Amino acid sequence: MSVFIGYRSAYEYWRTNDALPASVPSRAHPSCGVRASGLPDELEGFGTPLHVVVAQANDRVRTGDPVCHVWNAGFPAGSFVKLRDGAYISSPERSFMEMAAELSLVELIRYGYVLCSGYAYDKGESGFRARAPLASVRSLQRFVEKSHGRTGLNKAVRAMRFIADASASPMETNLTMALCLPRMIGGYGLDIPELNLRIEVRTKGLVPRDHFKCDLYWRRQRVAVEYDSREHHSGVEAETKDSARRSALLSQGVTVVSITPDQFFDARKFDEAARAVAKLLGKRLPANEAAWMMRRYRLRHELLQDTRQGWPR
């Protein structure tokens, strides 16, 4: 019998693992007549309880640890990918839709960023490592559009408005969300930027390279925001390189705003930085008021749950 892993188990898997080698998602799905019973021993690595997907209530496992989720509304192509013989897992796109019923809006948006990003969480010093993106905003959007009538659909549709491709780190994701989520949930409501966009260097001699990648970039206004982490931006040599980088971009009409961890983790300092960015983008922000500041506090607390830099997880 085959096992179809999904929901919380797939969520944790895709947050920490690379894409599977199969280039084409499997067309297998629970309605093929298989049941989530007789779980193979090699699935113990997923931890307990294991969350599995079944097509009807009669397929639920009555004994043991698995948590069975009944999904009887059909399975679009690309719903599952093959882990190994007899074991499938919800594709990144389907996993996003599954978790729309379980995560908060902010958590779901962040999960969308992770799926479309160039990083995965790990237990190393930085808390993450590089990996190829598992999905894209376009592929998530296509799957959401095929999920008519599913629990969490409205939340998924709303979340898609605030997800961008190509984040390179959890802190880039946090920074983008803090700046761009709507004010009604504690963000600053700025337009969604392009992340890690390649900008060709036209001014020769200022820097020994032919292109830059800007962390956050608003193309129309030619404004870039860089997250200057301690890991990559410390010491005199690094500061000199950063200065040359800013000068080269400025010579091409790109204004660069740097935001440091000290600024990000201090709400007052971050407010000043966010307002400076908004002004460069031509957006007038309203004065802070108590209700919004409370929403901002809740958003920041939720955003920073996944980071280890200066804030408890």
C-alpha atoms as a PDB file:
ATOM      1  CA  MET A   1       0.000   0.000   0.000  1.00  0.00           C
ATOM      2  CA  SER A   2       1.153   3.546  -0.715  1.00  0.00           C
ATOM      3  CA  VAL A   3       1.351   6.383   1.786  1.00  0.00           C
ATOM      4  CA  PHE A   4       0.592  10.003   0.887  1.00  0.00           C
ATOM      5  CA  ILE A   5       2.269  12.404   3.323  1.00  0.00           C
ATOM      6  CA  GLY A   6       0.850  15.894   3.674  1.00  0.00           C
ATOM      7  CA  TYR A   7      -0.154  18.785   5.917  1.00  0.00           C
ATOM      8  CA  ARG A   8       2.163  19.443   8.893  1.00  0.00           C
ATOM      9  CA  SER A   9       4.570  16.632   7.927  1.00  0.00           C
ATOM     10  CA  ALA A  10       4.971  17.953   4.371  1.00  0.00           C
ATOM     11  CA  TYR A  11       5.252  21.508   5.713  1.00  0.00           C
ATOM     12  CA  GLU A  12       8.189  20.592   7.935  1.00  0.00           C
ATOM     13  CA  TYR A  13       9.772  18.544   5.135  1.00  0.00           C
ATOM     14  CA  TRP A  14       9.732  21.342   2.563  1.00  0.00           C
ATOM     15  CA  ARG A  15      11.028  23.923   5.023  1.00  0.00           C
ATOM     16  CA  THR A  16      14.231  21.940   5.499  1.00  0.00           C
ATOM     17  CA  ASN A  17      14.814  19.727   2.437  1.00  0.00           C
ATOM     18  CA  ASP A  18      15.876  20.177  -1.168  1.00  0.00           C
ATOM     19  CA  ALA A  19      13.701  19.524  -4.184  1.00  0.00           C
ATOM     20  CA  LEU A  20      13.209  15.867  -5.019  1.00  0.00           C
ATOM     21  CA  PRO A  21      15.129  14.551  -8.044  1.00  0.00           C
ATOM     22  CA  ALA A  22      12.005  13.632 -10.008  1.00  0.00           C
ATOM     23  CA  SER A  23      11.526  16.370 -12.589  1.00  0.00           C
ATOM     24  CA  VAL A  24       7.828  15.643 -13.157  1.00  0.00           C
ATOM     25  CA  PRO A  25       5.435  15.449 -10.175  1.00  0.00           C
ATOM     26  CA  SER A  26       3.782  12.062  -9.818  1.00  0.00           C
ATOM     27  CA  ARG A  27       0.186  11.615 -10.993  1.00  0.00           C
ATOM     28  CA  ALA A  28      -0.443   9.165  -8.158  1.00  0.00           C
ATOM     29  CA  HIS A  29      -2.975  10.280  -5.583  1.00  0.00           C
ATOM     30  CA  PRO A  30      -4.978   8.717  -2.743  1.00  0.00           C
ATOM     31  CA  SER A  31      -8.093   8.120  -4.844  1.00  0.00           C
ATOM     32  CA  CYS A  32      -6.149   5.471  -6.763  1.00  0.00           C
ATOM     33  CA  GLY A  33      -7.473   3.032  -4.176  1.00  0.00           C
ATOM     34  CA  VAL A  34      -4.535   2.896  -1.772  1.00  0.00           C
ATOM     35  CA  ARG A  35      -4.744   3.415   1.962  1.00  0.00           C
ATOM     36  CA  ALA A  36      -2.454   5.010   4.513  1.00  0.00           C
ATOM     37  CA  SER A  37      -1.997   1.783   6.431  1.00  0.00           C
ATOM     38  CA  GLY A  38       0.996  -0.387   7.116  1.00  0.00           C
ATOM     39  CA  LEU A  39       3.325   2.614   7.280  1.00  0.00           C
ATOM     40  CA  PRO A  40       6.887   1.628   6.282  1.00  0.00           C
ATOM     41  CA  ASP A  41       9.597   1.916   8.937  1.00  0.00           C
ATOM     42  CA  GLU A  42      11.695   4.310   6.829  1.00  0.00           C
ATOM     43  CA  LEU A  43       9.072   7.038   7.321  1.00  0.00           C
ATOM     44  CA  GLU A  44       9.999   7.320  10.986  1.00  0.00           C
ATOM     45  CA  GLY A  45      12.276  10.242  10.056  1.00  0.00           C
ATOM     46  CA  PHE A  46       9.191  12.408   9.630  1.00  0.00           C
ATOM     47  CA  GLY A  47       8.569  12.280  13.348  1.00  0.00           C
ATOM     48  CA  THR A  48       5.280  11.689  15.084  1.00  0.00           C
ATOM     49  CA  PRO A  49       2.524  12.038  14.498  1.00  0.00           C
ATOM     50  CA  LEU A  50       2.833  11.518  10.754  1.00  0.00           C
ATOM     51  CA  HIS A  51       0.219  13.462   8.790  1.00  0.00           C
ATOM     52  CA  VAL A  52      -1.169  11.603   5.769  1.00  0.00           C
ATOM     53  CA  VAL A  53      -3.782  12.341   3.109  1.00  0.00           C
ATOM     54  CA  VAL A  54      -6.630   9.951   2.303  1.00  0.00           C
ATOM     55  CA  ALA A  55      -9.455  10.277  -0.204  1.00  0.00           C
ATOM     56  CA  GLN A  56     -12.323   9.116   1.994  1.00  0.00           C
ATOM     57  CA  ALA A  57     -13.152   8.602   5.650  1.00  0.00           C
ATOM     58  CA  ASN A  58     -13.043   4.793   5.320  1.00  0.00           C
ATOM     59  CA  ASP A  59      -9.349   5.038   4.436  1.00  0.00           C
ATOM     60  CA  ARG A  60      -8.409   6.457   7.811  1.00  0.00           C
ATOM     61  CA  VAL A  61      -5.932   4.488   9.887  1.00  0.00           C
ATOM     62  CA  ARG A  62      -7.637   3.320  13.054  1.00  0.00           C
ATOM     63  CA  THR A  63      -4.517   2.300  14.971  1.00  0.00           C
ATOM     64  CA  GLY A  64      -1.048   3.725  15.416  1.00  0.00           C
ATOM     65  CA  ASP A  65       0.209   7.292  15.196  1.00  0.00           C
ATOM     66  CA  PRO A  66      -0.796   8.691  11.763  1.00  0.00           C
ATOM     67  CA  VAL A  67      -3.101  11.704  11.617  1.00  0.00           C
ATOM     68  CA  CYS A  68      -5.344  11.228   8.577  1.00  0.00           C
ATOM     69  CA  HIS A  69      -6.687  14.191   6.622  1.00  0.00           C
ATOM     70  CA  VAL A  70      -9.610  13.415   4.322  1.00  0.00           C
ATOM     71  CA  TRP A  71      -9.432  15.273   0.987  1.00  0.00           C
ATOM     72  CA  ASN A  72     -12.325  14.194  -1.223  1.00  0.00           C
ATOM     73  CA  ALA A  73     -12.503  17.139  -3.629  1.00  0.00           C
ATOM     74  CA  GLY A  74     -10.204  15.734  -6.290  1.00  0.00           C
ATOM     75  CA  PHE A  75      -6.465  15.991  -6.825  1.00  0.00           C
ATOM     76  CA  PRO A  76      -5.157  18.323  -9.554  1.00  0.00           C
ATOM     77  CA  ALA A  77      -2.126  17.193 -11.548  1.00  0.00           C
ATOM     78  CA  GLY A  78       1.033  17.881  -9.565  1.00  0.00           C
ATOM     79  CA  SER A  79      -0.566  17.246  -6.181  1.00  0.00           C
ATOM     80  CA  PHE A  80       2.079  14.751  -5.046  1.00  0.00           C
ATOM     81  CA  VAL A  81       5.699  13.912  -5.783  1.00  0.00           C
ATOM     82  CA  LYS A  82       7.346  10.557  -5.209  1.00  0.00           C
ATOM     83  CA  LEU A  83       9.632  10.143  -2.207  1.00  0.00           C
ATOM     84  CA  ARG A  84      10.372   6.459  -2.769  1.00  0.00           C
ATOM     85  CA  ASP A  85       8.469   3.338  -3.758  1.00  0.00           C
ATOM     86  CA  GLY A  86       5.170   3.360  -1.927  1.00  0.00           C
ATOM     87  CA  ALA A  87       5.632   6.821  -0.420  1.00  0.00           C
ATOM     88  CA  TYR A  88       4.494  10.156  -1.850  1.00  0.00           C
ATOM     89  CA  ILE A  89       4.469  13.657  -0.398  1.00  0.00           C
ATOM     90  CA  SER A  90       2.322  16.679  -1.143  1.00  0.00           C
ATOM     91  CA  SER A  91       4.056  18.868  -3.713  1.00  0.00           C
ATOM     92  CA  PRO A  92       5.231  22.307  -2.520  1.00  0.00           C
ATOM     93  CA  GLU A  93       2.242  23.881  -4.278  1.00  0.00           C
ATOM     94  CA  ARG A  94      -0.264  21.523  -2.709  1.00  0.00           C
ATOM     95  CA  SER A  95       1.435  21.859   0.682  1.00  0.00           C
ATOM     96  CA  PHE A  96       0.901  25.622   0.510  1.00  0.00           C
ATOM     97  CA  MET A  97      -2.801  25.058  -0.105  1.00  0.00           C
ATOM     98  CA  GLU A  98      -3.060  22.456   2.675  1.00  0.00           C
ATOM     99  CA  MET A  99      -1.462  24.769   5.213  1.00  0.00           C
ATOM    100  CA  ALA A 100      -3.818  27.615   4.336  1.00  0.00           C
ATOM    101  CA  ALA A 101      -6.312  25.824   6.569  1.00  0.00           C
ATOM    102  CA  GLU A 102      -3.872  25.601   9.490  1.00  0.00           C
ATOM    103  CA  LEU A 103      -1.491  28.568   9.497  1.00  0.00           C
ATOM    104  CA  SER A 104      -2.190  32.198  10.263  1.00  0.00           C
ATOM    105  CA  LEU A 105      -2.118  34.586   7.293  1.00  0.00           C
ATOM    106  CA  VAL A 106       1.355  35.828   8.254  1.00  0.00           C
ATOM    107  CA  GLU A 107       2.712  32.286   8.680  1.00  0.00           C
ATOM    108  CA  LEU A 108       1.209  31.243   5.341  1.00  0.00           C
ATOM    109  CA  ILE A 109       2.790  34.200   3.545  1.00  0.00           C
ATOM    110  CA  ARG A 110       6.149  33.354   5.084  1.00  0.00           C
ATOM    111  CA  TYR A 111       5.761  29.708   4.017  1.00  0.00           C
ATOM    112  CA  GLY A 112       5.085  30.922   0.482  1.00  0.00           C
ATOM    113  CA  TYR A 113       8.315  32.923   0.594  1.00  0.00           C
ATOM    114  CA  VAL A 114      10.237  29.868   1.808  1.00  0.00           C
ATOM    115  CA  LEU A 115       8.888  27.692  -1.017  1.00  0.00           C
ATOM    116  CA  CYS A 116       9.831  30.332  -3.602  1.00  0.00           C
ATOM    117  CA  SER A 117      13.154  31.243  -1.981  1.00  0.00           C
ATOM    118  CA  GLY A 118      16.769  30.222  -2.337  1.00  0.00           C
ATOM    119  CA  TYR A 119      17.133  28.943   1.231  1.00  0.00           C
ATOM    120  CA  ALA A 120      16.027  26.202   3.608  1.00  0.00           C
ATOM    121  CA  TYR A 121      16.089  26.146   7.389  1.00  0.00           C
ATOM    122  CA  ASP A 122      18.748  24.039   9.088  1.00  0.00           C
ATOM    123  CA  LYS A 123      20.488  23.641  12.452  1.00  0.00           C
ATOM    124  CA  GLY A 124      23.683  25.462  11.469  1.00  0.00           C
ATOM    125  CA  GLU A 125      24.916  28.662  13.061  1.00  0.00           C
ATOM    126  CA  SER A 126      22.977  30.932  10.704  1.00  0.00           C
ATOM    127  CA  GLY A 127      19.823  28.824  10.912  1.00  0.00           C
ATOM    128  CA  PHE A 128      19.536  28.381   7.140  1.00  0.00           C
ATOM    129  CA  ARG A 129      21.399  27.199   4.041  1.00  0.00           C
ATOM    130  CA  ALA A 130      21.187  27.816   0.317  1.00  0.00           C
ATOM    131  CA  ARG A 131      18.976  25.647  -1.896  1.00  0.00           C
ATOM    132  CA  ALA A 132      17.206  25.945  -5.240  1.00  0.00           C
ATOM    133  CA  PRO A 133      13.626  27.282  -5.097  1.00  0.00           C
ATOM    134  CA  LEU A 134      10.971  24.590  -4.731  1.00  0.00           C
ATOM    135  CA  ALA A 135       8.204  26.617  -6.368  1.00  0.00           C
ATOM    136  CA  SER A 136       7.465  30.045  -7.800  1.00  0.00           C
ATOM    137  CA  VAL A 137       4.786  32.630  -7.243  1.00  0.00           C
ATOM    138  CA  ARG A 138       3.328  31.596 -10.591  1.00  0.00           C
ATOM    139  CA  SER A 139       3.213  27.873  -9.763  1.00  0.00           C
ATOM    140  CA  LEU A 140       1.633  28.550  -6.358  1.00  0.00           C
ATOM    141  CA  GLN A 141      -0.936  30.815  -7.983  1.00  0.00           C
ATOM    142  CA  ARG A 142      -1.844  28.180 -10.568  1.00  0.00           C
ATOM    143  CA  PHE A 143      -2.432  25.560  -7.881  1.00  0.00           C
ATOM    144  CA  VAL A 144      -4.501  27.912  -5.730  1.00  0.00           C
ATOM    145  CA  GLU A 145      -6.677  28.691  -8.750  1.00  0.00           C
ATOM    146  CA  LYS A 146      -7.364  24.946  -9.173  1.00  0.00           C
ATOM    147  CA  SER A 147      -8.390  24.487  -5.527  1.00  0.00           C
ATOM    148  CA  HIS A 148     -12.003  25.610  -5.720  1.00  0.00           C
ATOM    149  CA  GLY A 149     -14.037  25.194  -2.567  1.00  0.00           C
ATOM    150  CA  ARG A 150     -11.179  24.123  -0.318  1.00  0.00           C
ATOM    151  CA  THR A 151     -10.928  25.221   3.295  1.00  0.00           C
ATOM    152  CA  GLY A 152      -8.473  28.099   3.503  1.00  0.00           C
ATOM    153  CA  LEU A 153      -8.905  29.153  -0.133  1.00  0.00           C
ATOM    154  CA  ASN A 154      -9.713  32.782   0.696  1.00  0.00           C
ATOM    155  CA  LYS A 155      -6.659  32.983   2.940  1.00  0.00           C
ATOM    156  CA  ALA A 156      -4.453  31.459   0.231  1.00  0.00           C
ATOM    157  CA  VAL A 157      -5.751  33.922  -2.363  1.00  0.00           C
ATOM    158  CA  ARG A 158      -5.051  36.813  -0.018  1.00  0.00           C
ATOM    159  CA  ALA A 159      -1.585  35.504   0.874  1.00  0.00           C
ATOM    160  CA  MET A 160      -0.576  35.323  -2.793  1.00  0.00           C
ATOM    161  CA  ARG A 161      -0.809  39.122  -3.046  1.00  0.00           C
ATOM    162  CA  PHE A 162       2.204  39.499  -0.754  1.00  0.00           C
ATOM    163  CA  ILE A 163       4.605  36.720  -1.817  1.00  0.00           C
ATOM    164  CA  ALA A 164       7.696  37.338  -3.952  1.00  0.00           C
ATOM    165  CA  ASP A 165      10.205  35.022  -5.613  1.00  0.00           C
ATOM    166  CA  ALA A 166      13.917  34.691  -4.845  1.00  0.00           C
ATOM    167  CA  SER A 167      14.396  35.681  -1.203  1.00  0.00           C
ATOM    168  CA  ALA A 168      17.912  34.642  -0.182  1.00  0.00           C
ATOM    169  CA  SER A 169      17.489  34.446   3.595  1.00  0.00           C
ATOM    170  CA  PRO A 170      14.894  34.383   6.375  1.00  0.00           C
ATOM    171  CA  MET A 171      15.824  37.954   7.281  1.00  0.00           C
ATOM    172  CA  GLU A 172      15.230  39.167   3.717  1.00  0.00           C
ATOM    173  CA  THR A 173      11.816  37.540   3.957  1.00  0.00           C
ATOM    174  CA  ASN A 174      11.127  39.194   7.317  1.00  0.00           C
ATOM    175  CA  LEU A 175      12.279  42.567   6.016  1.00  0.00           C
ATOM    176  CA  THR A 176      10.107  42.361   2.911  1.00  0.00           C
ATOM    177  CA  MET A 177       7.066  41.302   4.893  1.00  0.00           C
ATOM    178  CA  ALA A 178       7.563  43.972   7.563  1.00  0.00           C
ATOM    179  CA  LEU A 179       7.761  46.671   4.888  1.00  0.00           C
ATOM    180  CA  CYS A 180       5.096  45.398   2.517  1.00  0.00           C
ATOM    181  CA  LEU A 181       2.323  43.677   4.440  1.00  0.00           C
ATOM    182  CA  PRO A 182      -0.763  45.888   4.726  1.00  0.00           C
ATOM    183  CA  ARG A 183      -1.165  48.275   7.634  1.00  0.00           C
ATOM    184  CA  MET A 184      -4.287  46.450   8.789  1.00  0.00           C
ATOM    185  CA  ILE A 185      -2.030  43.612   9.973  1.00  0.00           C
ATOM    186  CA  GLY A 186       0.880  45.763  11.143  1.00  0.00           C
ATOM    187  CA  GLY A 187       3.004  46.270   8.025  1.00  0.00           C
ATOM    188  CA  TYR A 188       3.885  49.498   6.241  1.00  0.00           C
ATOM    189  CA  GLY A 189       1.941  48.729   3.076  1.00  0.00           C
ATOM    190  CA  LEU A 190       4.756  49.354   0.573  1.00  0.00           C
ATOM    191  CA  ASP A 191       4.571  47.776  -2.887  1.00  0.00           C
ATOM    192  CA  ILE A 192       6.111  44.300  -3.216  1.00  0.00           C
ATOM    193  CA  PRO A 193       9.686  44.652  -4.559  1.00  0.00           C
ATOM    194  CA  GLU A 194      11.691  42.315  -6.752  1.00  0.00           C
ATOM    195  CA  LEU A 195      14.127  40.294  -4.663  1.00  0.00           C
ATOM    196  CA  ASN A 196      17.772  39.704  -5.555  1.00  0.00           C
ATOM    197  CA  LEU A 197      17.331  41.236  -8.977  1.00  0.00           C
ATOM    198  CA  ARG A 198      20.473  41.228 -11.116  1.00  0.00           C
ATOM    199  CA  ILE A 199      21.580  44.740 -12.097  1.00  0.00           C
ATOM    200  CA  GLU A 200      24.347  45.025 -14.671  1.00  0.00           C
ATOM    201  CA  VAL A 201      27.232  47.378 -13.823  1.00  0.00           C
ATOM    202  CA  ARG A 202      27.592  50.019 -16.514  1.00  0.00           C
ATOM    203  CA  THR A 203      30.210  52.185 -14.783  1.00  0.00           C
ATOM    204  CA  LYS A 204      33.545  50.434 -15.172  1.00  0.00           C
ATOM    205  CA  GLY A 205      36.323  50.893 -12.645  1.00  0.00           C
ATOM    206  CA  LEU A 206      34.281  51.548  -9.511  1.00  0.00           C
ATOM    207  CA  VAL A 207      33.950  47.866  -8.641  1.00  0.00           C
ATOM    208  CA  PRO A 208      35.686  44.721  -9.961  1.00  0.00           C
ATOM    209  CA  ARG A 209      32.493  42.972 -11.069  1.00  0.00           C
ATOM    210  CA  ASP A 210      29.939  43.117 -13.859  1.00  0.00           C
ATOM    211  CA  HIS A 211      26.691  42.947 -11.870  1.00  0.00           C
ATOM    212  CA  PHE A 212      25.034  43.320  -8.493  1.00  0.00           C
ATOM    213  CA  LYS A 213      22.087  41.636  -6.856  1.00  0.00           C
ATOM    214  CA  CYS A 214      19.940  43.952  -4.757  1.00  0.00           C
ATOM    215  CA  ASP A 215      18.136  42.363  -1.809  1.00  0.00           C
ATOM    216  CA  LEU A 216      14.933  44.353  -2.374  1.00  0.00           C
ATOM    217  CA  TYR A 217      14.498  46.458  -5.512  1.00  0.00           C
ATOM    218  CA  TRP A 218      11.710  48.719  -6.695  1.00  0.00           C
ATOM    219  CA  ARG A 219      12.373  48.993 -10.411  1.00  0.00           C
ATOM    220  CA  ARG A 220      10.149  51.970 -11.272  1.00  0.00           C
ATOM    221  CA  GLN A 221      11.537  54.193  -8.512  1.00  0.00           C
ATOM    222  CA  ARG A 222      15.072  52.740  -8.799  1.00  0.00           C
ATOM    223  CA  VAL A 223      15.301  52.198  -5.047  1.00  0.00           C
ATOM    224  CA  ALA A 224      17.166  49.302  -3.430  1.00  0.00           C
ATOM    225  CA  VAL A 225      17.096  48.146   0.191  1.00  0.00           C
ATOM    226  CA  GLU A 226      19.962  46.025   1.461  1.00  0.00           C
ATOM    227  CA  TYR A 227      19.912  43.981   4.657  1.00  0.00           C
ATOM    228  CA  ASP A 228      23.425  44.427   6.079  1.00  0.00           C
ATOM    229  CA  SER A 229      23.757  41.304   8.201  1.00  0.00           C
ATOM    230  CA  ARG A 230      26.660  40.918  10.605  1.00  0.00           C
ATOM    231  CA  GLU A 231      27.752  37.765   8.805  1.00  0.00           C
ATOM    232  CA  HIS A 232      28.477  39.409   5.460  1.00  0.00           C
ATOM    233  CA  HIS A 233      28.991  43.087   6.298  1.00  0.00           C
ATOM    234  CA  SER A 234      31.572  43.481   9.084  1.00  0.00           C
ATOM    235  CA  GLY A 235      35.096  44.846   9.139  1.00  0.00           C
ATOM    236  CA  VAL A 236      36.846  47.670   7.303  1.00  0.00           C
ATOM    237  CA  GLU A 237      37.281  45.696   4.072  1.00  0.00           C
ATOM    238  CA  ALA A 238      33.591  44.785   3.928  1.00  0.00           C
ATOM    239  CA  GLU A 239      32.573  48.374   4.645  1.00  0.00           C
ATOM    240  CA  THR A 240      34.836  49.594   1.832  1.00  0.00           C
ATOM    241  CA  LYS A 241      33.263  47.115  -0.590  1.00  0.00           C
ATOM    242  CA  ASP A 242      29.761  48.153   0.498  1.00  0.00           C
ATOM    243  CA  SER A 243      30.630  51.815  -0.038  1.00  0.00           C
ATOM    244  CA  ALA A 244      31.976  51.093  -3.530  1.00  0.00           C
ATOM    245  CA  ARG A 245      28.853  49.079  -4.294  1.00  0.00           C
ATOM    246  CA  ARG A 246      26.572  51.927  -3.221  1.00  0.00           C
ATOM    247  CA  SER A 247      28.603  54.415  -5.266  1.00  0.00           C
ATOM    248  CA  ALA A 248      28.418  52.230  -8.372  1.00  0.00           C
ATOM    249  CA  LEU A 249      24.657  51.820  -8.026  1.00  0.00           C
ATOM    250  CA  LEU A 250      24.179  55.525  -7.328  1.00  0.00           C
ATOM    251  CA  SER A 251      26.097  56.332 -10.507  1.00  0.00           C
ATOM    252  CA  GLN A 252      23.402  54.342 -12.345  1.00  0.00           C
ATOM    253  CA  GLY A 253      20.591  56.230 -10.658  1.00  0.00           C
ATOM    254  CA  VAL A 254      19.853  53.586  -8.017  1.00  0.00           C
ATOM    255  CA  THR A 255      19.381  54.845  -4.452  1.00  0.00           C
ATOM    256  CA  VAL A 256      20.456  52.309  -1.829  1.00  0.00           C
ATOM    257  CA  VAL A 257      19.108  52.187   1.725  1.00  0.00           C
ATOM    258  CA  SER A 258      20.910  49.864   4.139  1.00  0.00           C
ATOM    259  CA  ILE A 259      19.068  48.339   7.093  1.00  0.00           C
ATOM    260  CA  THR A 260      21.143  46.680   9.804  1.00  0.00           C
ATOM    261  CA  PRO A 261      20.098  44.095  12.399  1.00  0.00           C
ATOM    262  CA  ASP A 262      20.281  46.850  15.022  1.00  0.00           C
ATOM    263  CA  GLN A 263      17.696  48.827  13.065  1.00  0.00           C
ATOM    264  CA  PHE A 264      15.471  45.875  12.264  1.00  0.00           C
ATOM    265  CA  PHE A 265      15.247  44.570  15.817  1.00  0.00           C
ATOM    266  CA  ASP A 266      14.510  48.021  17.261  1.00  0.00           C
ATOM    267  CA  ALA A 267      10.928  48.992  16.384  1.00  0.00           C
ATOM    268  CA  ARG A 268      11.606  52.737  16.625  1.00  0.00           C
ATOM    269  CA  LYS A 269      14.731  52.611  14.448  1.00  0.00           C
ATOM    270  CA  PHE A 270      12.978  50.380  11.936  1.00  0.00           C
ATOM    271  CA  ASP A 271      10.069  52.798  11.780  1.00  0.00           C
ATOM    272  CA  GLU A 272      12.491  55.569  10.801  1.00  0.00           C
ATOM    273  CA  ALA A 273      14.084  53.364   8.122  1.00  0.00           C
ATOM    274  CA  ALA A 274      10.707  52.262   6.739  1.00  0.00           C
ATOM    275  CA  ARG A 275       9.554  55.872   6.474  1.00  0.00           C
ATOM    276  CA  ALA A 276      12.753  56.801   4.647  1.00  0.00           C
ATOM    277  CA  VAL A 277      12.138  54.012   2.129  1.00  0.00           C
ATOM    278  CA  ALA A 278       8.481  55.007   1.741  1.00  0.00           C
ATOM    279  CA  LYS A 279       9.501  58.605   1.008  1.00  0.00           C
ATOM    280  CA  LEU A 280      11.906  57.458  -1.719  1.00  0.00           C
ATOM    281  CA  LEU A 281       9.087  55.380  -3.210  1.00  0.00           C
ATOM    282  CA  GLY A 282       6.761  58.383  -3.214  1.00  0.00           C
ATOM    283  CA  LYS A 283       4.431  56.874  -0.619  1.00  0.00           C
ATOM    284  CA  ARG A 284       3.160  59.006   2.235  1.00  0.00           C
ATOM    285  CA  LEU A 285       2.679  57.036   5.433  1.00  0.00           C
ATOM    286  CA  PRO A 286       0.157  58.149   8.042  1.00  0.00           C
ATOM    287  CA  ALA A 287       1.258  59.071  11.535  1.00  0.00           C
ATOM    288  CA  ASN A 288       1.601  56.171  13.939  1.00  0.00           C
ATOM    289  CA  GLU A 289      -1.419  55.577  16.126  1.00  0.00           C
ATOM    290  CA  ALA A 290      -1.911  53.235  19.050  1.00  0.00           C
ATOM    291  CA  ALA A 291      -4.046  50.609  17.288  1.00  0.00           C
ATOM    292  CA  TRP A 292      -1.583  50.254  14.397  1.00  0.00           C
ATOM    293  CA  MET A 293       1.409  50.123  16.762  1.00  0.00           C
ATOM    294  CA  MET A 294      -0.221  47.197  18.565  1.00  0.00           C
ATOM    295  CA  ARG A 295      -0.779  45.444  15.221  1.00  0.00           C
ATOM    296  CA  ARG A 296       2.866  46.139  14.332  1.00  0.00           C
ATOM    297  CA  TYR A 297       3.978  44.607  17.632  1.00  0.00           C
ATOM    298  CA  ARG A 298       1.985  41.443  16.950  1.00  0.00           C
ATOM    299  CA  LEU A 299       3.324  41.215  13.390  1.00  0.00           C
ATOM    300  CA  ARG A 300       6.937  41.662  14.488  1.00  0.00           C
ATOM    301  CA  HIS A 301       6.527  39.018  17.178  1.00  0.00           C
ATOM    302  CA  GLU A 302       5.146  36.576  14.609  1.00  0.00           C
ATOM    303  CA  LEU A 303       7.771  37.391  11.979  1.00  0.00           C
ATOM    304  CA  LEU A 304      10.680  36.901  14.317  1.00  0.00           C
ATOM    305  CA  GLN A 305       9.680  33.482  15.591  1.00  0.00           C
ATOM    306  CA  ASP A 306      11.819  31.787  12.930  1.00  0.00           C
ATOM    307  CA  THR A 307      15.005  33.788  13.366  1.00  0.00           C
ATOM    308  CA  ARG A 308      17.843  33.289  15.804  1.00  0.00           C
ATOM    309  CA  GLN A 309      19.376  36.749  15.503  1.00  0.00           C
ATOM    310  CA  GLY A 310      18.748  38.669  18.685  1.00  0.00           C
ATOM    311  CA  TRP A 311      15.217  37.366  19.327  1.00  0.00           C
ATOM    312  CA  PRO A 312      13.999  34.189  21.037  1.00  0.00           C
ATOM    313  CA  ARG A 313      12.625  31.614  18.631  1.00  0.00           C
END
